[in-house]
Amino acid sequence: MKNTIFLMIFTLGFSIGIAAQPAKARTLPLALASQLVKDDSGVREKMRDNRWTVSNVAKEVNYLKFVDLNADGVDELIFSGIVCGTANCQTWIYRKIGAKYEQIPFDASAVDLKVLASRSSGYSDISIEGRGSAVESEVHIHKFDGRKYDVKECFSKNWALFNTRTGKWTELKTPRVERLKCSF
């Protein structure tokens, strides 16, 4: 029952996907790219290693979504890319205040991000899915606490099960979702 409710919540959210973004929409405003460089040592390291300018940083975004997370009529910016591991990329959230950008603390790397219909402290909850392998992933639900987003719920999502008796994998038509204890 809990897994069914969880999947229904996912359905209510909307995906921020790479394929859905036109190339032009995946370039950060230069003022935001400059602020990101000031805020993030991993981005500064990547700039140094690749001899990038702030303009290069602005173009290295995998996805960029403008979405009003706190229903104040002003879009926040959620974006990912620039600093990536083998499968998942760092994700950031910024809000615009006047002509400046301010980071909303959000520690996550993702393959798939969904803004959910549920809210915490006035902000939309966010679901992050990170891949562990081709058939398994973990889903973390991040909730805003008034200052930052923190992981509050965790789930495993498996698209195949291994049968120890037969030594074979069985592919599932729908993923098997199980609640996990968040371990951080």
C-alpha atoms as a PDB file:
ATOM      1  CA  MET A   1       0.000   0.000   0.000  1.00  0.00           C
ATOM      2  CA  LYS A   2       2.758   2.483   0.935  1.00  0.00           C
ATOM      3  CA  ASN A   3       4.597   1.642  -2.281  1.00  0.00           C
ATOM      4  CA  THR A   4       1.431   2.288  -4.305  1.00  0.00           C
ATOM      5  CA  ILE A   5       0.977   5.685  -2.617  1.00  0.00           C
ATOM      6  CA  PHE A   6       4.625   6.484  -3.283  1.00  0.00           C
ATOM      7  CA  LEU A   7       4.245   5.674  -7.003  1.00  0.00           C
ATOM      8  CA  MET A   8       1.084   7.798  -7.145  1.00  0.00           C
ATOM      9  CA  ILE A   9       2.999  10.738  -5.660  1.00  0.00           C
ATOM     10  CA  PHE A  10       5.659  10.254  -8.329  1.00  0.00           C
ATOM     11  CA  THR A  11       2.971  10.410 -10.990  1.00  0.00           C
ATOM     12  CA  LEU A  12       1.742  13.751  -9.614  1.00  0.00           C
ATOM     13  CA  GLY A  13       5.226  15.229  -9.864  1.00  0.00           C
ATOM     14  CA  PHE A  14       6.635  16.370 -13.155  1.00  0.00           C
ATOM     15  CA  SER A  15       9.936  15.261 -14.556  1.00  0.00           C
ATOM     16  CA  ILE A  16      12.728  17.566 -15.417  1.00  0.00           C
ATOM     17  CA  GLY A  17      14.303  15.609 -18.216  1.00  0.00           C
ATOM     18  CA  ILE A  18      17.219  16.244 -20.500  1.00  0.00           C
ATOM     19  CA  ALA A  19      15.307  15.257 -23.647  1.00  0.00           C
ATOM     20  CA  ALA A  20      12.481  17.693 -22.881  1.00  0.00           C
ATOM     21  CA  GLN A  21      14.812  20.692 -22.767  1.00  0.00           C
ATOM     22  CA  PRO A  22      15.668  22.541 -25.968  1.00  0.00           C
ATOM     23  CA  ALA A  23      19.449  23.152 -26.252  1.00  0.00           C
ATOM     24  CA  LYS A  24      19.016  26.920 -25.868  1.00  0.00           C
ATOM     25  CA  ALA A  25      17.215  26.422 -22.544  1.00  0.00           C
ATOM     26  CA  ARG A  26      20.209  24.589 -21.090  1.00  0.00           C
ATOM     27  CA  THR A  27      22.530  27.572 -20.812  1.00  0.00           C
ATOM     28  CA  LEU A  28      22.796  29.269 -17.435  1.00  0.00           C
ATOM     29  CA  PRO A  29      22.542  33.040 -17.210  1.00  0.00           C
ATOM     30  CA  LEU A  30      26.149  34.297 -16.896  1.00  0.00           C
ATOM     31  CA  ALA A  31      25.414  35.991 -13.557  1.00  0.00           C
ATOM     32  CA  LEU A  32      24.231  32.637 -12.184  1.00  0.00           C
ATOM     33  CA  ALA A  33      27.256  30.792 -13.606  1.00  0.00           C
ATOM     34  CA  SER A  34      29.507  33.381 -11.922  1.00  0.00           C
ATOM     35  CA  GLN A  35      27.729  32.899  -8.597  1.00  0.00           C
ATOM     36  CA  LEU A  36      27.990  29.107  -8.919  1.00  0.00           C
ATOM     37  CA  VAL A  37      31.748  29.400  -9.458  1.00  0.00           C
ATOM     38  CA  LYS A  38      31.995  31.475  -6.244  1.00  0.00           C
ATOM     39  CA  ASP A  39      29.807  29.018  -4.301  1.00  0.00           C
ATOM     40  CA  ASP A  40      31.142  25.624  -5.390  1.00  0.00           C
ATOM     41  CA  SER A  41      34.735  24.380  -5.091  1.00  0.00           C
ATOM     42  CA  GLY A  42      33.998  21.396  -7.372  1.00  0.00           C
ATOM     43  CA  VAL A  43      33.013  23.767 -10.171  1.00  0.00           C
ATOM     44  CA  ARG A  44      36.129  25.889  -9.588  1.00  0.00           C
ATOM     45  CA  GLU A  45      38.255  22.720  -9.776  1.00  0.00           C
ATOM     46  CA  LYS A  46      36.553  21.666 -13.016  1.00  0.00           C
ATOM     47  CA  MET A  47      37.174  25.150 -14.450  1.00  0.00           C
ATOM     48  CA  ARG A  48      40.843  25.008 -13.527  1.00  0.00           C
ATOM     49  CA  ASP A  49      41.342  21.437 -14.838  1.00  0.00           C
ATOM     50  CA  ASN A  50      39.641  22.174 -18.176  1.00  0.00           C
ATOM     51  CA  ARG A  51      40.816  25.798 -18.513  1.00  0.00           C
ATOM     52  CA  TRP A  52      37.222  26.945 -18.715  1.00  0.00           C
ATOM     53  CA  THR A  53      35.783  30.422 -18.465  1.00  0.00           C
ATOM     54  CA  VAL A  54      32.498  31.256 -16.740  1.00  0.00           C
ATOM     55  CA  SER A  55      30.907  31.074 -20.206  1.00  0.00           C
ATOM     56  CA  ASN A  56      32.015  27.424 -20.502  1.00  0.00           C
ATOM     57  CA  VAL A  57      30.451  26.662 -17.110  1.00  0.00           C
ATOM     58  CA  ALA A  58      27.175  28.234 -18.268  1.00  0.00           C
ATOM     59  CA  LYS A  59      27.070  25.878 -21.284  1.00  0.00           C
ATOM     60  CA  GLU A  60      27.944  22.637 -19.447  1.00  0.00           C
ATOM     61  CA  VAL A  61      24.467  22.179 -17.979  1.00  0.00           C
ATOM     62  CA  ASN A  62      22.669  18.874 -18.651  1.00  0.00           C
ATOM     63  CA  TYR A  63      19.302  20.327 -17.728  1.00  0.00           C
ATOM     64  CA  LEU A  64      17.913  23.585 -16.514  1.00  0.00           C
ATOM     65  CA  LYS A  65      14.398  24.130 -15.273  1.00  0.00           C
ATOM     66  CA  PHE A  66      12.724  27.326 -14.150  1.00  0.00           C
ATOM     67  CA  VAL A  67      10.037  26.409 -11.606  1.00  0.00           C
ATOM     68  CA  ASP A  68       8.284  28.326  -8.838  1.00  0.00           C
ATOM     69  CA  LEU A  69       9.060  26.063  -5.866  1.00  0.00           C
ATOM     70  CA  ASN A  70       7.617  28.360  -3.197  1.00  0.00           C
ATOM     71  CA  ALA A  71       4.532  29.731  -5.020  1.00  0.00           C
ATOM     72  CA  ASP A  72       5.724  33.345  -4.743  1.00  0.00           C
ATOM     73  CA  GLY A  73       5.375  34.023  -8.476  1.00  0.00           C
ATOM     74  CA  VAL A  74       9.149  34.003  -9.079  1.00  0.00           C
ATOM     75  CA  ASP A  75      10.810  30.952 -10.625  1.00  0.00           C
ATOM     76  CA  GLU A  76      13.695  29.229  -8.894  1.00  0.00           C
ATOM     77  CA  LEU A  77      16.326  27.573 -11.127  1.00  0.00           C
ATOM     78  CA  ILE A  78      17.118  23.877 -10.808  1.00  0.00           C
ATOM     79  CA  PHE A  79      20.026  22.675 -12.893  1.00  0.00           C
ATOM     80  CA  SER A  80      22.460  19.804 -13.181  1.00  0.00           C
ATOM     81  CA  GLY A  81      25.646  18.953 -14.973  1.00  0.00           C
ATOM     82  CA  ILE A  82      29.120  20.464 -14.845  1.00  0.00           C
ATOM     83  CA  VAL A  83      30.287  18.130 -12.040  1.00  0.00           C
ATOM     84  CA  CYS A  84      29.339  14.518 -12.835  1.00  0.00           C
ATOM     85  CA  GLY A  85      30.307  11.058 -11.652  1.00  0.00           C
ATOM     86  CA  THR A  86      29.956   7.957 -13.795  1.00  0.00           C
ATOM     87  CA  ALA A  87      26.144   8.119 -13.860  1.00  0.00           C
ATOM     88  CA  ASN A  88      24.865  10.984 -11.719  1.00  0.00           C
ATOM     89  CA  CYS A  89      25.467  14.741 -11.898  1.00  0.00           C
ATOM     90  CA  GLN A  90      25.483  17.325  -9.121  1.00  0.00           C
ATOM     91  CA  THR A  91      22.226  19.271  -8.908  1.00  0.00           C
ATOM     92  CA  TRP A  92      21.794  22.829  -7.632  1.00  0.00           C
ATOM     93  CA  ILE A  93      18.857  25.100  -6.803  1.00  0.00           C
ATOM     94  CA  TYR A  94      19.119  28.899  -6.961  1.00  0.00           C
ATOM     95  CA  ARG A  95      16.632  31.679  -6.423  1.00  0.00           C
ATOM     96  CA  LYS A  96      16.910  35.119  -7.934  1.00  0.00           C
ATOM     97  CA  ILE A  97      16.796  38.029  -5.518  1.00  0.00           C
ATOM     98  CA  GLY A  98      16.903  41.308  -7.415  1.00  0.00           C
ATOM     99  CA  ALA A  99      19.820  41.062  -9.840  1.00  0.00           C
ATOM    100  CA  LYS A 100      21.660  38.430  -7.753  1.00  0.00           C
ATOM    101  CA  TYR A 101      21.357  34.677  -7.340  1.00  0.00           C
ATOM    102  CA  GLU A 102      21.292  32.875  -3.997  1.00  0.00           C
ATOM    103  CA  GLN A 103      21.839  29.155  -3.579  1.00  0.00           C
ATOM    104  CA  ILE A 104      19.226  27.119  -1.728  1.00  0.00           C
ATOM    105  CA  PRO A 105      21.244  24.389  -0.001  1.00  0.00           C
ATOM    106  CA  PHE A 106      20.475  21.100  -1.738  1.00  0.00           C
ATOM    107  CA  ASP A 107      22.978  18.252  -1.667  1.00  0.00           C
ATOM    108  CA  ALA A 108      22.119  15.779  -4.403  1.00  0.00           C
ATOM    109  CA  SER A 109      23.326  14.072  -7.542  1.00  0.00           C
ATOM    110  CA  ALA A 110      20.713  12.789  -9.917  1.00  0.00           C
ATOM    111  CA  VAL A 111      19.766  11.065 -13.097  1.00  0.00           C
ATOM    112  CA  ASP A 112      16.094  11.959 -12.677  1.00  0.00           C
ATOM    113  CA  LEU A 113      14.539  14.805 -10.711  1.00  0.00           C
ATOM    114  CA  LYS A 114      10.849  15.375 -10.101  1.00  0.00           C
ATOM    115  CA  VAL A 115       9.193  18.352  -8.458  1.00  0.00           C
ATOM    116  CA  LEU A 116       6.356  16.871  -6.436  1.00  0.00           C
ATOM    117  CA  ALA A 117       2.903  18.273  -5.682  1.00  0.00           C
ATOM    118  CA  SER A 118       3.515  17.836  -1.933  1.00  0.00           C
ATOM    119  CA  ARG A 119       5.036  20.767  -0.024  1.00  0.00           C
ATOM    120  CA  SER A 120       7.129  21.339   3.114  1.00  0.00           C
ATOM    121  CA  SER A 121       7.633  24.758   4.748  1.00  0.00           C
ATOM    122  CA  GLY A 122       6.038  26.395   1.694  1.00  0.00           C
ATOM    123  CA  TYR A 123       8.333  24.783  -0.912  1.00  0.00           C
ATOM    124  CA  SER A 124       7.643  21.884  -3.266  1.00  0.00           C
ATOM    125  CA  ASP A 125       9.177  18.558  -2.244  1.00  0.00           C
ATOM    126  CA  ILE A 126      11.723  17.160  -4.683  1.00  0.00           C
ATOM    127  CA  SER A 127      12.355  13.546  -5.646  1.00  0.00           C
ATOM    128  CA  ILE A 128      15.855  12.604  -6.786  1.00  0.00           C
ATOM    129  CA  GLU A 129      16.618   9.269  -8.395  1.00  0.00           C
ATOM    130  CA  GLY A 130      20.226   8.156  -8.650  1.00  0.00           C
ATOM    131  CA  ARG A 131      21.345   5.004 -10.411  1.00  0.00           C
ATOM    132  CA  GLY A 132      23.230   2.269  -8.605  1.00  0.00           C
ATOM    133  CA  SER A 133      23.288   0.014 -11.674  1.00  0.00           C
ATOM    134  CA  ALA A 134      21.323  -0.619 -14.864  1.00  0.00           C
ATOM    135  CA  VAL A 135      18.505  -2.301 -12.900  1.00  0.00           C
ATOM    136  CA  GLU A 136      18.514  -0.569  -9.524  1.00  0.00           C
ATOM    137  CA  SER A 137      18.323   2.947  -8.193  1.00  0.00           C
ATOM    138  CA  GLU A 138      17.620   4.847  -5.001  1.00  0.00           C
ATOM    139  CA  VAL A 139      14.990   7.525  -4.727  1.00  0.00           C
ATOM    140  CA  HIS A 140      15.348  10.256  -2.116  1.00  0.00           C
ATOM    141  CA  ILE A 141      12.572  12.677  -1.219  1.00  0.00           C
ATOM    142  CA  HIS A 142      14.007  16.068  -0.271  1.00  0.00           C
ATOM    143  CA  LYS A 143      11.904  18.419   1.859  1.00  0.00           C
ATOM    144  CA  PHE A 144      12.521  22.077   2.603  1.00  0.00           C
ATOM    145  CA  ASP A 145      12.952  22.920   6.297  1.00  0.00           C
ATOM    146  CA  GLY A 146      12.735  26.699   5.987  1.00  0.00           C
ATOM    147  CA  ARG A 147      16.438  27.104   5.144  1.00  0.00           C
ATOM    148  CA  LYS A 148      17.566  24.102   3.076  1.00  0.00           C
ATOM    149  CA  TYR A 149      16.422  20.895   1.419  1.00  0.00           C
ATOM    150  CA  ASP A 150      17.163  17.671   3.330  1.00  0.00           C
ATOM    151  CA  VAL A 151      16.520  14.011   2.526  1.00  0.00           C
ATOM    152  CA  LYS A 152      13.516  12.842   4.554  1.00  0.00           C
ATOM    153  CA  GLU A 153      12.393   9.644   2.786  1.00  0.00           C
ATOM    154  CA  CYS A 154      14.349   6.968   0.911  1.00  0.00           C
ATOM    155  CA  PHE A 155      13.287   4.133  -1.375  1.00  0.00           C
ATOM    156  CA  SER A 156      14.972   1.462  -3.475  1.00  0.00           C
ATOM    157  CA  LYS A 157      13.679   0.865  -6.979  1.00  0.00           C
ATOM    158  CA  ASN A 158      14.540  -2.403  -8.753  1.00  0.00           C
ATOM    159  CA  TRP A 159      13.694  -3.326 -12.348  1.00  0.00           C
ATOM    160  CA  ALA A 160      15.011  -6.897 -12.073  1.00  0.00           C
ATOM    161  CA  LEU A 161      15.332  -9.522  -9.371  1.00  0.00           C
ATOM    162  CA  PHE A 162      18.040 -12.146  -9.045  1.00  0.00           C
ATOM    163  CA  ASN A 163      16.888 -15.706  -8.323  1.00  0.00           C
ATOM    164  CA  THR A 164      19.579 -17.368  -6.197  1.00  0.00           C
ATOM    165  CA  ARG A 165      18.106 -20.847  -6.912  1.00  0.00           C
ATOM    166  CA  THR A 166      18.309 -20.571 -10.698  1.00  0.00           C
ATOM    167  CA  GLY A 167      21.122 -18.016 -10.896  1.00  0.00           C
ATOM    168  CA  LYS A 168      19.079 -15.918 -13.356  1.00  0.00           C
ATOM    169  CA  TRP A 169      17.722 -12.409 -13.424  1.00  0.00           C
ATOM    170  CA  THR A 170      14.002 -11.773 -13.939  1.00  0.00           C
ATOM    171  CA  GLU A 171      13.084  -8.465 -15.559  1.00  0.00           C
ATOM    172  CA  LEU A 172      10.081  -6.703 -13.981  1.00  0.00           C
ATOM    173  CA  LYS A 173       7.394  -4.842 -15.955  1.00  0.00           C
ATOM    174  CA  THR A 174       7.052  -2.299 -13.141  1.00  0.00           C
ATOM    175  CA  PRO A 175       9.780  -1.570 -10.614  1.00  0.00           C
ATOM    176  CA  ARG A 176       9.744  -3.077  -7.155  1.00  0.00           C
ATOM    177  CA  VAL A 177       9.793  -0.135  -4.735  1.00  0.00           C
ATOM    178  CA  GLU A 178      10.726  -0.598  -1.085  1.00  0.00           C
ATOM    179  CA  ARG A 179      11.087   1.975   1.674  1.00  0.00           C
ATOM    180  CA  LEU A 180      14.613   2.279   3.063  1.00  0.00           C
ATOM    181  CA  LYS A 181      16.013   3.844   6.185  1.00  0.00           C
ATOM    182  CA  CYS A 182      17.844   6.976   5.052  1.00  0.00           C
ATOM    183  CA  SER A 183      21.452   6.434   6.069  1.00  0.00           C
ATOM    184  CA  PHE A 184      22.806   9.990   6.194  1.00  0.00           C
END
